[in-house]
């Protein structure tokens, strides 16, 4: 099965502004949903959310918190969900809370408040 890459898009910040991984909203092994915010990055004073590219499970994180990254970098990998017919996607999970095999959405880590 091919994994979908979580790629840092070009944020339009220019080469002089460092981009740093700030926070992951999921850990490896957790379910994620296509379009759901997955990782937050800082670019100067601005923050940007990078969404999950597909519905599935986060299998690997390449850009760890506090790592400097460049546009186009692979930040992580998501294994797409597979429906009963063997295809990917297919409504086995989603933001409506139906979740994967018999479960609802897994709890997300929350950013500590200061």
Protein backbone atom coordinates (compact mmCIF):
# COMPACT_ATOMS: atom_id res chain seq x y z
CA UNK A 1 0.00 0.00 0.00
CA UNK A 2 1.33 3.42 -0.90
CA UNK A 3 1.43 6.10 1.75
CA UNK A 4 0.27 9.66 1.14
CA UNK A 5 2.89 12.28 1.93
CA UNK A 6 2.11 15.26 4.15
CA UNK A 7 3.93 17.97 2.20
CA UNK A 8 4.67 21.48 3.40
CA UNK A 9 3.25 23.82 0.74
CA UNK A 10 4.92 27.02 -0.38
CA UNK A 11 3.73 29.53 2.20
CA UNK A 12 4.96 32.54 0.23
CA UNK A 13 7.20 33.67 3.06
CA UNK A 14 10.42 34.04 1.12
CA UNK A 15 13.82 32.45 1.74
CA UNK A 16 14.75 34.71 4.67
CA UNK A 17 11.91 33.51 6.93
CA UNK A 18 12.61 30.23 8.73
CA UNK A 19 9.75 27.75 8.88
CA UNK A 20 9.59 25.58 12.01
CA UNK A 21 7.31 22.66 12.87
CA UNK A 22 5.36 23.87 15.87
CA UNK A 23 2.83 21.19 16.79
CA UNK A 24 1.42 17.85 15.60
CA UNK A 25 -2.29 17.36 16.24
CA UNK A 26 -1.95 13.55 15.92
CA UNK A 27 0.68 10.96 16.80
CA UNK A 28 1.83 8.01 14.69
CA UNK A 29 -0.84 5.30 14.75
CA UNK A 30 -3.74 7.72 15.21
CA UNK A 31 -6.58 8.11 12.74
CA UNK A 32 -6.68 11.29 10.66
CA UNK A 33 -9.26 12.65 8.26
CA UNK A 34 -8.65 14.25 4.89
CA UNK A 35 -8.59 18.02 5.21
CA UNK A 36 -8.32 17.96 9.02
CA UNK A 37 -5.47 20.04 10.41
CA UNK A 38 -2.59 17.71 11.10
CA UNK A 39 0.48 19.82 11.76
CA UNK A 40 1.07 23.47 12.61
CA UNK A 41 4.14 25.34 11.36
CA UNK A 42 5.50 28.76 12.30
CA UNK A 43 6.86 31.13 9.67
CA UNK A 44 8.05 34.27 11.42
CA UNK A 45 5.11 35.63 13.43
CA UNK A 46 2.52 33.68 11.38
CA UNK A 47 1.18 30.17 11.98
CA UNK A 48 -0.09 27.83 9.28
CA UNK A 49 -1.94 24.51 9.52
CA UNK A 50 -1.08 21.71 7.10
CA UNK A 51 -4.04 19.35 6.55
CA UNK A 52 -4.04 15.57 6.26
CA UNK A 53 -3.86 14.66 2.55
CA UNK A 54 -6.14 11.60 2.91
CA UNK A 55 -8.26 9.79 5.49
CA UNK A 56 -6.25 7.04 7.18
CA UNK A 57 -3.63 6.54 9.88
CA UNK A 58 -0.58 8.68 10.49
CA UNK A 59 2.30 6.22 10.18
CA UNK A 60 5.41 8.38 10.31
CA UNK A 61 6.50 11.87 11.27
CA UNK A 62 9.56 13.26 9.47
CA UNK A 63 9.32 16.88 10.62
CA UNK A 64 9.39 16.78 14.41
CA UNK A 65 8.38 19.70 16.62
CA UNK A 66 11.04 22.46 16.56
CA UNK A 67 12.59 21.15 13.30
CA UNK A 68 13.29 23.70 10.57
CA UNK A 69 11.66 22.68 7.30
CA UNK A 70 11.54 23.94 3.72
CA UNK A 71 8.55 24.27 1.38
CA UNK A 72 8.07 20.98 -0.46
CA UNK A 73 9.42 18.96 2.49
CA UNK A 74 7.70 15.71 3.44
CA UNK A 75 6.56 16.24 7.03
CA UNK A 76 4.95 12.83 7.51
CA UNK A 77 3.20 9.85 5.91
CA UNK A 78 -0.43 8.72 6.11
CA UNK A 79 -1.58 5.18 5.25
CA UNK A 80 -4.92 5.62 3.44
CA UNK A 81 -7.99 3.91 4.89
CA UNK A 82 -9.15 0.91 2.89
CA UNK A 83 -12.86 0.17 2.47
CA UNK A 84 -14.40 -3.32 2.50
CA UNK A 85 -14.10 -3.62 -1.30
CA UNK A 86 -10.35 -3.13 -1.08
CA UNK A 87 -10.24 0.42 -2.41
CA UNK A 88 -8.98 3.43 -0.56
CA UNK A 89 -11.20 6.08 0.98
CA UNK A 90 -14.77 4.90 0.68
CA UNK A 91 -16.51 6.34 3.70
CA UNK A 92 -15.12 4.15 6.45
CA UNK A 93 -14.35 7.20 8.49
CA UNK A 94 -14.93 10.89 8.50
CA UNK A 95 -15.47 14.02 10.50
CA UNK A 96 -19.02 12.93 11.29
CA UNK A 97 -17.58 10.72 14.03
CA UNK A 98 -18.25 7.31 12.52
CA UNK A 99 -14.54 6.55 12.77
CA UNK A 100 -12.79 3.40 11.64
CA UNK A 101 -13.49 -0.17 12.73
CA UNK A 102 -16.21 0.28 15.33
CA UNK A 103 -14.81 3.42 16.91
CA UNK A 104 -15.45 7.10 16.98
CA UNK A 105 -12.82 9.73 16.56
CA UNK A 106 -9.76 9.30 18.66
CA UNK A 107 -9.08 12.10 21.12
CA UNK A 108 -6.66 14.70 19.83
CA UNK A 109 -3.76 16.07 21.75
CA UNK A 110 -4.58 19.61 22.72
CA UNK A 111 -2.17 22.49 22.73
CA UNK A 112 -1.34 23.45 26.31
CA UNK A 113 -2.67 26.84 27.26
CA UNK A 114 -0.35 29.31 28.91
